[in-house]
Amino acid sequence: MDRISSPVAPAARAQRPANAAAQRDTSGLAATSRSFAKSPPVDAGRVATLRAQVQQGSYRIDAKAVANRMLAMRKDWTSNDAS
């Protein structure tokens, strides 16, 4: 019995993006990741300001702004679910 062998693509080759646009997206993502890694994940100055406002009792929450942002986020989620 003769076996016919066919070439198999190496794993590294199979994982490459299929087109140039996908490769650009991947490199853009890597650049963004490097950018985030260089900066602290939290704005320490902003945290200190908010902490002081809370401690002094002067921090106010704008309920209408919070509600509007929640509704906008929900709208984005819904539109993304449809596609």
PDB file of N, CA and C in Angstrom:
ATOM      1  N   MET A   1       0.828  -1.169   0.000  1.00  0.00           N
ATOM      2  CA  MET A   1       0.000   0.000   0.000  1.00  0.00           C
ATOM      3  C   MET A   1       0.879   1.240   0.000  1.00  0.00           C
ATOM      4  N   ASP A   2       0.676   2.071  -0.958  1.00  0.00           N
ATOM      5  CA  ASP A   2       1.406   3.332  -1.053  1.00  0.00           C
ATOM      6  C   ASP A   2       0.629   4.441  -0.359  1.00  0.00           C
ATOM      7  N   ARG A   3       1.356   5.230   0.373  1.00  0.00           N
ATOM      8  CA  ARG A   3       0.726   6.392   1.002  1.00  0.00           C
ATOM      9  C   ARG A   3       1.095   7.629   0.208  1.00  0.00           C
ATOM     10  N   ILE A   4       0.120   8.462   0.023  1.00  0.00           N
ATOM     11  CA  ILE A   4       0.367   9.730  -0.653  1.00  0.00           C
ATOM     12  C   ILE A   4       0.441  10.793   0.431  1.00  0.00           C
ATOM     13  N   SER A   5       1.578  11.455   0.478  1.00  0.00           N
ATOM     14  CA  SER A   5       1.709  12.493   1.498  1.00  0.00           C
ATOM     15  C   SER A   5       1.505  13.858   0.866  1.00  0.00           C
ATOM     16  N   SER A   6       0.898  14.726   1.618  1.00  0.00           N
ATOM     17  CA  SER A   6       0.702  16.089   1.127  1.00  0.00           C
ATOM     18  C   SER A   6       1.388  17.034   2.102  1.00  0.00           C
ATOM     19  N   PRO A   7       1.926  18.117   1.599  1.00  0.00           N
ATOM     20  CA  PRO A   7       2.614  19.059   2.476  1.00  0.00           C
ATOM     21  C   PRO A   7       1.622  19.735   3.422  1.00  0.00           C
ATOM     22  N   VAL A   8       2.098  19.968   4.623  1.00  0.00           N
ATOM     23  CA  VAL A   8       1.287  20.631   5.632  1.00  0.00           C
ATOM     24  C   VAL A   8       1.949  21.955   5.960  1.00  0.00           C
ATOM     25  N   ALA A   9       1.139  23.005   6.028  1.00  0.00           N
ATOM     26  CA  ALA A   9       1.680  24.328   6.334  1.00  0.00           C
ATOM     27  C   ALA A   9       2.187  24.359   7.769  1.00  0.00           C
ATOM     28  N   PRO A  10       3.339  24.954   7.991  1.00  0.00           N
ATOM     29  CA  PRO A  10       3.829  25.083   9.357  1.00  0.00           C
ATOM     30  C   PRO A  10       2.859  25.910  10.194  1.00  0.00           C
ATOM     31  N   ALA A  11       2.835  25.665  11.492  1.00  0.00           N
ATOM     32  CA  ALA A  11       1.901  26.349  12.388  1.00  0.00           C
ATOM     33  C   ALA A  11       2.102  27.863  12.360  1.00  0.00           C
ATOM     34  N   ALA A  12       3.338  28.328  12.318  1.00  0.00           N
ATOM     35  CA  ALA A  12       3.589  29.764  12.308  1.00  0.00           C
ATOM     36  C   ALA A  12       2.995  30.407  11.068  1.00  0.00           C
ATOM     37  N   ARG A  13       3.066  29.724   9.961  1.00  0.00           N
ATOM     38  CA  ARG A  13       2.535  30.249   8.713  1.00  0.00           C
ATOM     39  C   ARG A  13       1.011  30.309   8.770  1.00  0.00           C
ATOM     40  N   ALA A  14       0.391  29.350   9.375  1.00  0.00           N
ATOM     41  CA  ALA A  14      -1.063  29.293   9.447  1.00  0.00           C
ATOM     42  C   ALA A  14      -1.629  30.378  10.357  1.00  0.00           C
ATOM     43  N   GLN A  15      -0.844  30.906  11.284  1.00  0.00           N
ATOM     44  CA  GLN A  15      -1.341  31.900  12.225  1.00  0.00           C
ATOM     45  C   GLN A  15      -1.174  33.331  11.734  1.00  0.00           C
ATOM     46  N   ARG A  16      -0.524  33.546  10.619  1.00  0.00           N
ATOM     47  CA  ARG A  16      -0.346  34.885  10.085  1.00  0.00           C
ATOM     48  C   ARG A  16      -1.679  35.456   9.637  1.00  0.00           C
ATOM     49  N   PRO A  17      -1.852  36.799   9.744  1.00  0.00           N
ATOM     50  CA  PRO A  17      -3.084  37.400   9.239  1.00  0.00           C
ATOM     51  C   PRO A  17      -3.262  37.113   7.757  1.00  0.00           C
ATOM     52  N   ALA A  18      -4.494  36.965   7.339  1.00  0.00           N
ATOM     53  CA  ALA A  18      -4.799  36.580   5.968  1.00  0.00           C
ATOM     54  C   ALA A  18      -4.531  37.691   4.970  1.00  0.00           C
ATOM     55  N   ASN A  19      -4.601  38.939   5.393  1.00  0.00           N
ATOM     56  CA  ASN A  19      -4.377  40.016   4.444  1.00  0.00           C
ATOM     57  C   ASN A  19      -3.621  41.164   5.096  1.00  0.00           C
ATOM     58  N   ALA A  20      -3.245  42.133   4.290  1.00  0.00           N
ATOM     59  CA  ALA A  20      -2.438  43.249   4.779  1.00  0.00           C
ATOM     60  C   ALA A  20      -3.197  44.095   5.795  1.00  0.00           C
ATOM     61  N   ALA A  21      -4.500  44.278   5.611  1.00  0.00           N
ATOM     62  CA  ALA A  21      -5.293  45.080   6.547  1.00  0.00           C
ATOM     63  C   ALA A  21      -5.298  44.443   7.932  1.00  0.00           C
ATOM     64  N   ALA A  22      -5.437  43.145   7.988  1.00  0.00           N
ATOM     65  CA  ALA A  22      -5.419  42.447   9.277  1.00  0.00           C
ATOM     66  C   ALA A  22      -4.058  42.578   9.931  1.00  0.00           C
ATOM     67  N   GLN A  23      -3.010  42.543   9.134  1.00  0.00           N
ATOM     68  CA  GLN A  23      -1.662  42.681   9.681  1.00  0.00           C
ATOM     69  C   GLN A  23      -1.448  44.089  10.236  1.00  0.00           C
ATOM     70  N   ARG A  24      -1.967  45.118   9.542  1.00  0.00           N
ATOM     71  CA  ARG A  24      -1.863  46.491  10.048  1.00  0.00           C
ATOM     72  C   ARG A  24      -2.623  46.631  11.355  1.00  0.00           C
ATOM     73  N   ASP A  25      -3.817  46.025  11.448  1.00  0.00           N
ATOM     74  CA  ASP A  25      -4.600  46.072  12.678  1.00  0.00           C
ATOM     75  C   ASP A  25      -3.822  45.451  13.826  1.00  0.00           C
ATOM     76  N   THR A  26      -3.160  44.339  13.554  1.00  0.00           N
ATOM     77  CA  THR A  26      -2.377  43.652  14.577  1.00  0.00           C
ATOM     78  C   THR A  26      -1.210  44.515  15.031  1.00  0.00           C
ATOM     79  N   SER A  27      -0.515  45.150  14.097  1.00  0.00           N
ATOM     80  CA  SER A  27       0.619  45.985  14.480  1.00  0.00           C
ATOM     81  C   SER A  27       0.134  47.234  15.208  1.00  0.00           C
ATOM     82  N   GLY A  28      -1.016  47.768  14.835  1.00  0.00           N
ATOM     83  CA  GLY A  28      -1.593  48.907  15.538  1.00  0.00           C
ATOM     84  C   GLY A  28      -1.961  48.550  16.958  1.00  0.00           C
ATOM     85  N   LEU A  29      -2.483  47.368  17.140  1.00  0.00           N
ATOM     86  CA  LEU A  29      -2.838  46.886  18.476  1.00  0.00           C
ATOM     87  C   LEU A  29      -1.591  46.738  19.334  1.00  0.00           C
ATOM     88  N   ALA A  30      -0.528  46.244  18.751  1.00  0.00           N
ATOM     89  CA  ALA A  30       0.728  46.088  19.485  1.00  0.00           C
ATOM     90  C   ALA A  30       1.281  47.450  19.897  1.00  0.00           C
ATOM     91  N   ALA A  31       1.197  48.437  19.018  1.00  0.00           N
ATOM     92  CA  ALA A  31       1.675  49.781  19.350  1.00  0.00           C
ATOM     93  C   ALA A  31       0.846  50.389  20.473  1.00  0.00           C
ATOM     94  N   THR A  32      -0.455  50.202  20.423  1.00  0.00           N
ATOM     95  CA  THR A  32      -1.337  50.710  21.474  1.00  0.00           C
ATOM     96  C   THR A  32      -1.015  50.041  22.796  1.00  0.00           C
ATOM     97  N   SER A  33      -0.783  48.743  22.760  1.00  0.00           N
ATOM     98  CA  SER A  33      -0.446  48.002  23.968  1.00  0.00           C
ATOM     99  C   SER A  33       0.849  48.530  24.579  1.00  0.00           C
ATOM    100  N   ARG A  34       1.851  48.788  23.754  1.00  0.00           N
ATOM    101  CA  ARG A  34       3.119  49.324  24.250  1.00  0.00           C
ATOM    102  C   ARG A  34       2.911  50.712  24.866  1.00  0.00           C
ATOM    103  N   SER A  35       2.064  51.512  24.239  1.00  0.00           N
ATOM    104  CA  SER A  35       1.778  52.851  24.743  1.00  0.00           C
ATOM    105  C   SER A  35       1.141  52.792  26.127  1.00  0.00           C
ATOM    106  N   PHE A  36       0.162  51.902  26.306  1.00  0.00           N
ATOM    107  CA  PHE A  36      -0.487  51.749  27.600  1.00  0.00           C
ATOM    108  C   PHE A  36       0.484  51.227  28.646  1.00  0.00           C
ATOM    109  N   ALA A  37       1.402  50.377  28.249  1.00  0.00           N
ATOM    110  CA  ALA A  37       2.358  49.802  29.197  1.00  0.00           C
ATOM    111  C   ALA A  37       3.306  50.867  29.746  1.00  0.00           C
ATOM    112  N   LYS A  38       3.549  51.929  28.978  1.00  0.00           N
ATOM    113  CA  LYS A  38       4.467  52.983  29.400  1.00  0.00           C
ATOM    114  C   LYS A  38       3.838  53.927  30.424  1.00  0.00           C
ATOM    115  N   SER A  39       2.522  54.069  30.396  1.00  0.00           N
ATOM    116  CA  SER A  39       1.874  55.013  31.301  1.00  0.00           C
ATOM    117  C   SER A  39       1.174  54.287  32.437  1.00  0.00           C
ATOM    118  N   PRO A  40       1.045  54.950  33.578  1.00  0.00           N
ATOM    119  CA  PRO A  40       0.357  54.295  34.694  1.00  0.00           C
ATOM    120  C   PRO A  40      -1.121  54.091  34.343  1.00  0.00           C
ATOM    121  N   PRO A  41      -1.720  53.024  34.848  1.00  0.00           N
ATOM    122  CA  PRO A  41      -3.106  52.738  34.496  1.00  0.00           C
ATOM    123  C   PRO A  41      -4.096  53.691  35.165  1.00  0.00           C
ATOM    124  N   VAL A  42      -3.623  54.469  36.140  1.00  0.00           N
ATOM    125  CA  VAL A  42      -4.495  55.366  36.879  1.00  0.00           C
ATOM    126  C   VAL A  42      -3.867  56.754  36.920  1.00  0.00           C
ATOM    127  N   ASP A  43      -4.683  57.780  36.748  1.00  0.00           N
ATOM    128  CA  ASP A  43      -4.221  59.159  36.854  1.00  0.00           C
ATOM    129  C   ASP A  43      -4.178  59.523  38.336  1.00  0.00           C
ATOM    130  N   ALA A  44      -3.002  59.441  38.926  1.00  0.00           N
ATOM    131  CA  ALA A  44      -2.842  59.645  40.369  1.00  0.00           C
ATOM    132  C   ALA A  44      -3.301  61.035  40.797  1.00  0.00           C
ATOM    133  N   GLY A  45      -3.072  62.036  39.982  1.00  0.00           N
ATOM    134  CA  GLY A  45      -3.506  63.397  40.309  1.00  0.00           C
ATOM    135  C   GLY A  45      -5.020  63.502  40.389  1.00  0.00           C
ATOM    136  N   ARG A  46      -5.679  62.887  39.428  1.00  0.00           N
ATOM    137  CA  ARG A  46      -7.150  62.898  39.416  1.00  0.00           C
ATOM    138  C   ARG A  46      -7.700  62.144  40.626  1.00  0.00           C
ATOM    139  N   VAL A  47      -7.089  61.033  40.974  1.00  0.00           N
ATOM    140  CA  VAL A  47      -7.519  60.257  42.139  1.00  0.00           C
ATOM    141  C   VAL A  47      -7.360  61.090  43.408  1.00  0.00           C
ATOM    142  N   ALA A  48      -6.239  61.791  43.543  1.00  0.00           N
ATOM    143  CA  ALA A  48      -6.000  62.616  44.725  1.00  0.00           C
ATOM    144  C   ALA A  48      -7.045  63.728  44.825  1.00  0.00           C
ATOM    145  N   THR A  49      -7.374  64.354  43.697  1.00  0.00           N
ATOM    146  CA  THR A  49      -8.381  65.415  43.685  1.00  0.00           C
ATOM    147  C   THR A  49      -9.738  64.876  44.116  1.00  0.00           C
ATOM    148  N   LEU A  50     -10.134  63.747  43.543  1.00  0.00           N
ATOM    149  CA  LEU A  50     -11.426  63.151  43.889  1.00  0.00           C
ATOM    150  C   LEU A  50     -11.460  62.709  45.351  1.00  0.00           C
ATOM    151  N   ARG A  51     -10.367  62.138  45.817  1.00  0.00           N
ATOM    152  CA  ARG A  51     -10.298  61.696  47.217  1.00  0.00           C
ATOM    153  C   ARG A  51     -10.496  62.880  48.163  1.00  0.00           C
ATOM    154  N   ALA A  52      -9.833  63.989  47.861  1.00  0.00           N
ATOM    155  CA  ALA A  52      -9.960  65.188  48.701  1.00  0.00           C
ATOM    156  C   ALA A  52     -11.392  65.709  48.676  1.00  0.00           C
ATOM    157  N   GLN A  53     -12.022  65.719  47.508  1.00  0.00           N
ATOM    158  CA  GLN A  53     -13.411  66.179  47.405  1.00  0.00           C
ATOM    159  C   GLN A  53     -14.344  65.298  48.221  1.00  0.00           C
ATOM    160  N   VAL A  54     -14.150  63.989  48.163  1.00  0.00           N
ATOM    161  CA  VAL A  54     -14.991  63.066  48.925  1.00  0.00           C
ATOM    162  C   VAL A  54     -14.793  63.304  50.425  1.00  0.00           C
ATOM    163  N   GLN A  55     -13.543  63.436  50.856  1.00  0.00           N
ATOM    164  CA  GLN A  55     -13.256  63.646  52.274  1.00  0.00           C
ATOM    165  C   GLN A  55     -13.827  64.967  52.790  1.00  0.00           C
ATOM    166  N   GLN A  56     -13.837  65.982  51.927  1.00  0.00           N
ATOM    167  CA  GLN A  56     -14.358  67.291  52.324  1.00  0.00           C
ATOM    168  C   GLN A  56     -15.882  67.368  52.195  1.00  0.00           C
ATOM    169  N   GLY A  57     -16.464  66.362  51.554  1.00  0.00           N
ATOM    170  CA  GLY A  57     -17.913  66.378  51.347  1.00  0.00           C
ATOM    171  C   GLY A  57     -18.357  67.256  50.192  1.00  0.00           C
ATOM    172  N   SER A  58     -17.413  67.651  49.347  1.00  0.00           N
ATOM    173  CA  SER A  58     -17.755  68.530  48.225  1.00  0.00           C
ATOM    174  C   SER A  58     -17.911  67.794  46.893  1.00  0.00           C
ATOM    175  N   TYR A  59     -17.683  66.498  46.888  1.00  0.00           N
ATOM    176  CA  TYR A  59     -17.827  65.725  45.647  1.00  0.00           C
ATOM    177  C   TYR A  59     -19.304  65.520  45.354  1.00  0.00           C
ATOM    178  N   ARG A  60     -19.730  65.884  44.168  1.00  0.00           N
ATOM    179  CA  ARG A  60     -21.125  65.747  43.765  1.00  0.00           C
ATOM    180  C   ARG A  60     -21.212  64.873  42.519  1.00  0.00           C
ATOM    181  N   ILE A  61     -22.185  64.007  42.533  1.00  0.00           N
ATOM    182  CA  ILE A  61     -22.424  63.133  41.387  1.00  0.00           C
ATOM    183  C   ILE A  61     -23.554  63.726  40.566  1.00  0.00           C
ATOM    184  N   ASP A  62     -23.310  63.891  39.288  1.00  0.00           N
ATOM    185  CA  ASP A  62     -24.337  64.384  38.376  1.00  0.00           C
ATOM    186  C   ASP A  62     -25.115  63.174  37.865  1.00  0.00           C
ATOM    187  N   ALA A  63     -26.241  62.886  38.522  1.00  0.00           N
ATOM    188  CA  ALA A  63     -27.025  61.691  38.201  1.00  0.00           C
ATOM    189  C   ALA A  63     -27.497  61.688  36.748  1.00  0.00           C
ATOM    190  N   LYS A  64     -27.841  62.857  36.233  1.00  0.00           N
ATOM    191  CA  LYS A  64     -28.313  62.942  34.848  1.00  0.00           C
ATOM    192  C   LYS A  64     -27.195  62.561  33.870  1.00  0.00           C
ATOM    193  N   ALA A  65     -25.967  63.038  34.140  1.00  0.00           N
ATOM    194  CA  ALA A  65     -24.832  62.708  33.276  1.00  0.00           C
ATOM    195  C   ALA A  65     -24.531  61.212  33.336  1.00  0.00           C
ATOM    196  N   VAL A  66     -24.600  60.630  34.540  1.00  0.00           N
ATOM    197  CA  VAL A  66     -24.355  59.194  34.696  1.00  0.00           C
ATOM    198  C   VAL A  66     -25.403  58.408  33.915  1.00  0.00           C
ATOM    199  N   ALA A  67     -26.671  58.785  34.056  1.00  0.00           N
ATOM    200  CA  ALA A  67     -27.755  58.097  33.347  1.00  0.00           C
ATOM    201  C   ALA A  67     -27.588  58.211  31.837  1.00  0.00           C
ATOM    202  N   ASN A  68     -27.236  59.403  31.356  1.00  0.00           N
ATOM    203  CA  ASN A  68     -27.048  59.590  29.912  1.00  0.00           C
ATOM    204  C   ASN A  68     -25.912  58.722  29.376  1.00  0.00           C
ATOM    205  N   ARG A  69     -24.839  58.626  30.131  1.00  0.00           N
ATOM    206  CA  ARG A  69     -23.710  57.787  29.693  1.00  0.00           C
ATOM    207  C   ARG A  69     -24.084  56.309  29.699  1.00  0.00           C
ATOM    208  N   MET A  70     -24.856  55.901  30.710  1.00  0.00           N
ATOM    209  CA  MET A  70     -25.298  54.502  30.758  1.00  0.00           C
ATOM    210  C   MET A  70     -26.191  54.176  29.566  1.00  0.00           C
ATOM    211  N   LEU A  71     -27.084  55.097  29.228  1.00  0.00           N
ATOM    212  CA  LEU A  71     -27.964  54.878  28.079  1.00  0.00           C
ATOM    213  C   LEU A  71     -27.167  54.843  26.778  1.00  0.00           C
ATOM    214  N   ALA A  72     -26.173  55.707  26.671  1.00  0.00           N
ATOM    215  CA  ALA A  72     -25.333  55.717  25.467  1.00  0.00           C
ATOM    216  C   ALA A  72     -24.567  54.407  25.345  1.00  0.00           C
ATOM    217  N   MET A  73     -24.054  53.906  26.474  1.00  0.00           N
ATOM    218  CA  MET A  73     -23.332  52.628  26.445  1.00  0.00           C
ATOM    219  C   MET A  73     -24.273  51.499  26.046  1.00  0.00           C
ATOM    220  N   ARG A  74     -25.474  51.515  26.578  1.00  0.00           N
ATOM    221  CA  ARG A  74     -26.454  50.481  26.240  1.00  0.00           C
ATOM    222  C   ARG A  74     -26.774  50.521  24.754  1.00  0.00           C
ATOM    223  N   LYS A  75     -26.896  51.729  24.215  1.00  0.00           N
ATOM    224  CA  LYS A  75     -27.176  51.873  22.780  1.00  0.00           C
ATOM    225  C   LYS A  75     -26.037  51.268  21.963  1.00  0.00           C
ATOM    226  N   ASP A  76     -24.786  51.515  22.378  1.00  0.00           N
ATOM    227  CA  ASP A  76     -23.634  50.931  21.686  1.00  0.00           C
ATOM    228  C   ASP A  76     -23.655  49.416  21.757  1.00  0.00           C
ATOM    229  N   TRP A  77     -23.985  48.872  22.937  1.00  0.00           N
ATOM    230  CA  TRP A  77     -24.034  47.409  23.095  1.00  0.00           C
ATOM    231  C   TRP A  77     -25.098  46.820  22.193  1.00  0.00           C
ATOM    232  N   THR A  78     -26.249  47.459  22.157  1.00  0.00           N
ATOM    233  CA  THR A  78     -27.349  46.947  21.342  1.00  0.00           C
ATOM    234  C   THR A  78     -26.990  46.985  19.869  1.00  0.00           C
ATOM    235  N   SER A  79     -26.374  48.080  19.407  1.00  0.00           N
ATOM    236  CA  SER A  79     -26.022  48.180  17.990  1.00  0.00           C
ATOM    237  C   SER A  79     -24.933  47.159  17.642  1.00  0.00           C
ATOM    238  N   ASN A  80     -24.036  46.853  18.571  1.00  0.00           N
ATOM    239  CA  ASN A  80     -22.992  45.859  18.320  1.00  0.00           C
ATOM    240  C   ASN A  80     -23.574  44.456  18.313  1.00  0.00           C
ATOM    241  N   ASP A  81     -24.607  44.213  19.104  1.00  0.00           N
ATOM    242  CA  ASP A  81     -25.245  42.891  19.135  1.00  0.00           C
ATOM    243  C   ASP A  81     -25.950  42.585  17.833  1.00  0.00           C
ATOM    244  N   ALA A  82     -26.453  43.621  17.166  1.00  0.00           N
ATOM    245  CA  ALA A  82     -27.209  43.419  15.929  1.00  0.00           C
ATOM    246  C   ALA A  82     -26.314  43.043  14.761  1.00  0.00           C
ATOM    247  N   SER A  83     -25.042  43.415  14.821  1.00  0.00           N
ATOM    248  CA  SER A  83     -24.158  43.139  13.676  1.00  0.00           C
ATOM    249  C   SER A  83     -23.458  41.835  13.784  1.00  0.00           C
TER     250      SER A  83
END
